[in-house]
N, C-alpha and C. Protein backbone atom coordinates (compact mmCIF):
# COMPACT_ATOMS: atom_id res chain seq x y z
N MET A 1 191.96 220.11 -42.77
CA MET A 1 191.22 221.50 -42.44
C MET A 1 190.12 221.12 -41.46
N GLU A 2 190.02 222.05 -40.57
CA GLU A 2 188.83 222.03 -39.62
C GLU A 2 187.59 222.35 -40.34
N SER A 3 186.49 221.71 -39.68
CA SER A 3 185.01 221.86 -40.42
C SER A 3 184.62 223.29 -39.87
N LYS A 4 183.73 223.77 -40.42
CA LYS A 4 183.07 225.19 -39.98
C LYS A 4 182.36 224.93 -38.60
N SER A 5 182.02 223.95 -38.42
CA SER A 5 181.55 223.66 -36.82
C SER A 5 182.48 223.79 -35.90
N GLU A 6 183.58 222.99 -36.16
CA GLU A 6 184.78 223.17 -35.19
C GLU A 6 185.37 224.51 -35.13
N MET A 7 185.30 225.35 -36.11
CA MET A 7 185.75 226.50 -36.26
C MET A 7 184.97 227.44 -35.50
N ARG A 8 183.60 227.27 -35.53
CA ARG A 8 182.74 228.13 -34.69
C ARG A 8 182.82 227.73 -33.22
N ASP A 9 183.11 226.43 -32.96
CA ASP A 9 183.33 226.08 -31.51
C ASP A 9 184.60 226.70 -30.90
N ALA A 10 185.67 226.77 -31.69
CA ALA A 10 186.85 227.29 -31.17
C ALA A 10 186.70 228.92 -30.98
N ILE A 11 185.88 229.55 -31.93
CA ILE A 11 185.81 230.83 -31.81
C ILE A 11 184.97 231.22 -30.39
N LYS A 12 183.93 230.39 -30.11
CA LYS A 12 183.08 230.57 -28.91
C LYS A 12 184.10 230.40 -27.72
N VAL A 13 185.08 229.48 -27.71
CA VAL A 13 185.95 229.12 -26.63
C VAL A 13 186.88 230.39 -26.41
N TYR A 14 187.52 230.76 -27.44
CA TYR A 14 188.41 231.80 -27.43
C TYR A 14 187.74 233.20 -26.96
N LYS A 15 186.59 233.44 -27.38
CA LYS A 15 185.77 234.54 -26.98
C LYS A 15 185.56 234.71 -25.48
N VAL A 16 185.03 233.61 -24.93
CA VAL A 16 184.73 233.38 -23.59
C VAL A 16 186.04 233.54 -22.77
N LEU A 17 187.20 233.05 -23.06
CA LEU A 17 188.47 233.14 -22.45
C LEU A 17 189.22 234.35 -22.58
N GLY A 18 188.48 235.43 -23.27
CA GLY A 18 189.07 236.70 -23.38
C GLY A 18 188.74 237.51 -22.08
N GLU A 19 188.14 236.90 -21.11
CA GLU A 19 187.88 237.63 -19.86
C GLU A 19 188.67 236.89 -18.79
N PRO A 20 189.72 237.86 -18.26
CA PRO A 20 190.67 237.24 -17.18
C PRO A 20 189.82 236.42 -16.11
N THR A 21 188.86 236.86 -15.64
CA THR A 21 187.98 236.18 -14.41
C THR A 21 187.63 234.66 -14.89
N ARG A 22 187.26 234.66 -16.19
CA ARG A 22 186.77 233.21 -16.69
C ARG A 22 188.20 232.16 -16.86
N ILE A 23 189.25 232.63 -17.20
CA ILE A 23 190.41 232.03 -17.37
C ILE A 23 190.79 231.61 -15.86
N SER A 24 190.67 232.45 -14.71
CA SER A 24 190.92 232.18 -13.31
C SER A 24 190.14 231.02 -12.91
N ILE A 25 188.82 231.09 -13.38
CA ILE A 25 187.86 230.11 -13.04
C ILE A 25 188.25 228.63 -13.64
N VAL A 26 188.57 228.67 -14.94
CA VAL A 26 189.03 227.51 -15.55
C VAL A 26 190.32 226.90 -15.06
N LEU A 27 191.29 227.80 -14.67
CA LEU A 27 192.50 227.32 -14.13
C LEU A 27 192.20 226.65 -12.83
N LEU A 28 191.27 227.31 -12.15
CA LEU A 28 191.07 226.61 -10.58
C LEU A 28 190.33 225.40 -10.79
N LEU A 29 189.41 225.24 -11.64
CA LEU A 29 188.76 223.97 -11.87
C LEU A 29 189.72 222.93 -12.50
N ALA A 30 190.61 223.38 -13.22
CA ALA A 30 191.68 222.41 -13.71
C ALA A 30 192.53 221.71 -12.71
N ARG A 31 192.68 222.54 -11.71
CA ARG A 31 193.57 222.27 -10.60
C ARG A 31 192.82 221.51 -9.49
N GLU A 32 191.47 222.00 -9.22
CA GLU A 32 190.65 221.37 -8.22
C GLU A 32 189.30 220.88 -8.71
N PRO A 33 189.21 220.04 -9.40
CA PRO A 33 187.94 219.56 -10.03
C PRO A 33 186.73 219.58 -9.11
N ASP A 34 185.58 219.79 -9.63
CA ASP A 34 184.16 219.63 -9.06
C ASP A 34 183.96 220.69 -7.76
N GLN A 35 184.24 221.93 -8.13
CA GLN A 35 184.06 222.81 -7.23
C GLN A 35 182.64 223.37 -7.23
N CYS A 36 181.96 223.71 -6.26
CA CYS A 36 180.74 224.02 -6.17
C CYS A 36 180.69 225.61 -6.59
N CYS A 37 179.54 226.14 -7.29
CA CYS A 37 179.51 227.48 -7.77
C CYS A 37 179.69 228.32 -6.63
N VAL A 38 179.19 228.17 -5.52
CA VAL A 38 179.16 229.02 -4.35
C VAL A 38 180.73 229.02 -3.74
N SER A 39 181.36 227.96 -3.48
CA SER A 39 182.63 227.97 -2.95
C SER A 39 183.63 228.74 -4.04
N LEU A 40 183.23 228.51 -5.23
CA LEU A 40 184.13 228.96 -6.36
C LEU A 40 184.09 230.59 -6.34
N GLY A 41 183.05 231.18 -6.18
CA GLY A 41 182.80 232.55 -6.02
C GLY A 41 183.53 233.14 -4.80
N GLU A 42 183.52 232.46 -3.62
CA GLU A 42 184.47 232.67 -2.49
C GLU A 42 186.13 232.66 -2.84
N ARG A 43 186.42 231.62 -3.69
CA ARG A 43 187.84 231.46 -3.95
C ARG A 43 188.38 232.69 -4.81
N LEU A 44 187.54 233.08 -5.54
CA LEU A 44 188.04 234.25 -6.59
C LEU A 44 188.01 235.61 -5.80
N LYS A 45 188.85 236.39 -5.73
CA LYS A 45 189.06 237.62 -4.85
C LYS A 45 188.29 238.62 -5.89
N ASN A 46 187.50 239.48 -5.15
CA ASN A 46 186.73 240.59 -5.94
C ASN A 46 185.80 240.20 -6.85
N VAL A 47 185.24 239.20 -6.72
CA VAL A 47 184.03 238.65 -7.79
C VAL A 47 182.91 238.23 -6.97
N ALA A 48 181.73 238.99 -7.22
CA ALA A 48 180.56 238.68 -6.45
C ALA A 48 179.92 237.48 -7.02
N ASN A 49 179.24 236.93 -6.15
CA ASN A 49 178.45 235.49 -6.54
C ASN A 49 177.71 235.75 -8.02
N SER A 50 176.97 236.85 -7.99
CA SER A 50 176.15 236.93 -9.26
C SER A 50 177.05 237.16 -10.32
N THR A 51 178.18 237.80 -10.26
CA THR A 51 179.20 237.70 -11.31
C THR A 51 179.79 236.45 -11.78
N SER A 52 180.27 235.80 -10.70
CA SER A 52 180.72 234.52 -10.94
C SER A 52 179.66 233.53 -11.69
N SER A 53 178.35 233.62 -11.29
CA SER A 53 177.48 232.93 -11.91
C SER A 53 177.32 233.25 -13.41
N HIS A 54 177.52 234.51 -13.79
CA HIS A 54 177.49 234.85 -15.21
C HIS A 54 178.71 234.40 -15.82
N HIS A 55 179.69 234.27 -15.26
CA HIS A 55 181.01 233.73 -15.91
C HIS A 55 180.88 232.19 -16.01
N LEU A 56 180.27 231.51 -15.10
CA LEU A 56 180.01 230.03 -15.09
C LEU A 56 179.00 229.77 -16.29
N LYS A 57 178.08 230.63 -16.49
CA LYS A 57 177.24 230.27 -17.51
C LYS A 57 177.80 230.47 -18.83
N GLN A 58 178.51 231.51 -19.11
CA GLN A 58 179.39 231.70 -20.51
C GLN A 58 180.29 230.44 -20.74
N LEU A 59 180.91 230.14 -19.55
CA LEU A 59 181.90 228.91 -19.78
C LEU A 59 181.11 227.62 -20.13
N SER A 60 180.08 227.50 -19.53
CA SER A 60 179.26 226.17 -19.77
C SER A 60 178.61 226.47 -21.23
N LYS A 61 178.14 227.48 -21.53
CA LYS A 61 177.58 227.73 -22.85
C LYS A 61 178.57 227.29 -24.06
N CYS A 62 179.88 227.62 -23.93
CA CYS A 62 180.86 227.38 -24.95
C CYS A 62 181.26 225.81 -24.90
N GLY A 63 180.91 225.24 -23.81
CA GLY A 63 181.34 223.83 -23.77
C GLY A 63 182.55 223.55 -22.81
N LEU A 64 183.24 224.59 -22.27
CA LEU A 64 184.44 224.38 -21.42
C LEU A 64 184.16 223.78 -19.99
N LEU A 65 182.77 224.02 -19.50
CA LEU A 65 182.46 223.39 -18.34
C LEU A 65 181.22 222.54 -18.34
N GLN A 66 181.26 221.59 -17.55
CA GLN A 66 180.07 220.57 -17.32
C GLN A 66 179.60 220.98 -15.95
N SER A 67 178.31 220.60 -15.69
CA SER A 67 177.59 220.80 -14.33
C SER A 67 176.65 219.71 -14.10
N ARG A 68 176.45 219.54 -12.62
CA ARG A 68 175.53 218.72 -12.20
C ARG A 68 174.93 219.32 -11.08
N LYS A 69 173.63 219.07 -10.92
CA LYS A 69 172.82 219.74 -9.79
C LYS A 69 172.61 218.67 -8.80
N GLU A 70 172.80 219.05 -7.38
CA GLU A 70 172.52 218.39 -6.28
C GLU A 70 171.79 219.18 -5.33
N GLY A 71 170.52 218.92 -5.16
CA GLY A 71 169.74 219.84 -4.34
C GLY A 71 169.73 221.22 -4.86
N THR A 72 170.18 222.22 -3.79
CA THR A 72 170.30 223.66 -4.39
C THR A 72 171.66 223.85 -5.01
N PHE A 73 172.52 223.01 -5.00
CA PHE A 73 174.03 223.36 -5.45
C PHE A 73 174.09 222.86 -6.97
N ILE A 74 174.88 223.65 -7.58
CA ILE A 74 175.37 223.10 -8.92
C ILE A 74 176.86 223.04 -8.94
N TYR A 75 177.33 221.88 -9.20
CA TYR A 75 178.75 221.54 -9.19
C TYR A 75 179.40 221.67 -10.69
N TYR A 76 180.53 222.35 -10.76
CA TYR A 76 180.94 222.64 -12.10
C TYR A 76 182.40 221.80 -12.29
N SER A 77 182.48 221.13 -13.34
CA SER A 77 183.97 220.52 -13.53
C SER A 77 184.30 221.11 -15.03
N LEU A 78 185.61 221.00 -15.23
CA LEU A 78 186.12 221.25 -16.48
C LEU A 78 185.88 220.21 -17.57
N ASN A 79 185.51 220.48 -18.70
CA ASN A 79 185.27 219.48 -19.64
C ASN A 79 186.76 219.54 -20.42
N ARG A 80 187.46 218.40 -19.79
CA ARG A 80 188.89 218.38 -20.44
C ARG A 80 189.05 218.13 -21.86
N ILE A 81 188.18 217.37 -22.48
CA ILE A 81 188.14 217.19 -23.89
C ILE A 81 188.09 218.46 -24.68
N VAL A 82 187.30 219.40 -24.28
CA VAL A 82 187.16 220.67 -24.89
C VAL A 82 188.45 221.39 -24.82
N ALA A 83 188.96 221.50 -23.43
CA ALA A 83 190.10 222.08 -23.02
C ALA A 83 191.26 221.71 -23.72
N GLU A 84 191.33 220.27 -23.75
CA GLU A 84 192.72 219.83 -24.65
C GLU A 84 192.61 220.07 -26.05
N LYS A 85 191.33 220.19 -26.65
CA LYS A 85 191.32 220.60 -28.09
C LYS A 85 191.65 221.94 -28.30
N TYR A 86 191.02 222.91 -27.68
CA TYR A 86 191.15 224.30 -28.09
C TYR A 86 192.15 225.08 -27.16
N SER A 87 192.32 224.75 -25.99
CA SER A 87 193.19 225.52 -25.02
C SER A 87 193.88 224.76 -24.16
N PRO A 88 194.84 223.77 -24.73
CA PRO A 88 195.55 222.79 -23.88
C PRO A 88 196.47 223.52 -22.68
N PHE A 89 196.86 224.80 -22.85
CA PHE A 89 197.63 225.48 -21.92
C PHE A 89 196.86 225.54 -20.62
N LEU A 90 195.56 225.65 -20.57
CA LEU A 90 194.83 225.49 -19.45
C LEU A 90 194.95 224.33 -18.50
N LEU A 91 195.60 223.29 -19.19
CA LEU A 91 195.69 221.96 -18.25
C LEU A 91 197.04 221.76 -17.78
N THR A 92 198.03 222.79 -17.97
CA THR A 92 199.31 222.66 -17.52
C THR A 92 199.61 223.25 -16.04
């Protein structure tokens, strides 16, 4: 049986993935790792940079994304361990 902590983590991931734009972001990062948040916003149609930043923050908080900062840019990548554990369909 899963621990309560793992159950809480799973719930966070599933709640975050309830938004179609967030699934699009994760799928994009699964196919093309290490996208910059600015170019990521440009790749998603009809999503403002401020909106994509909000989605990236939510995905990071639940553990699906990792980030690193280089100068003024933040580069995001998919945390494959979390994706494999809670949402393996994202990696196909």
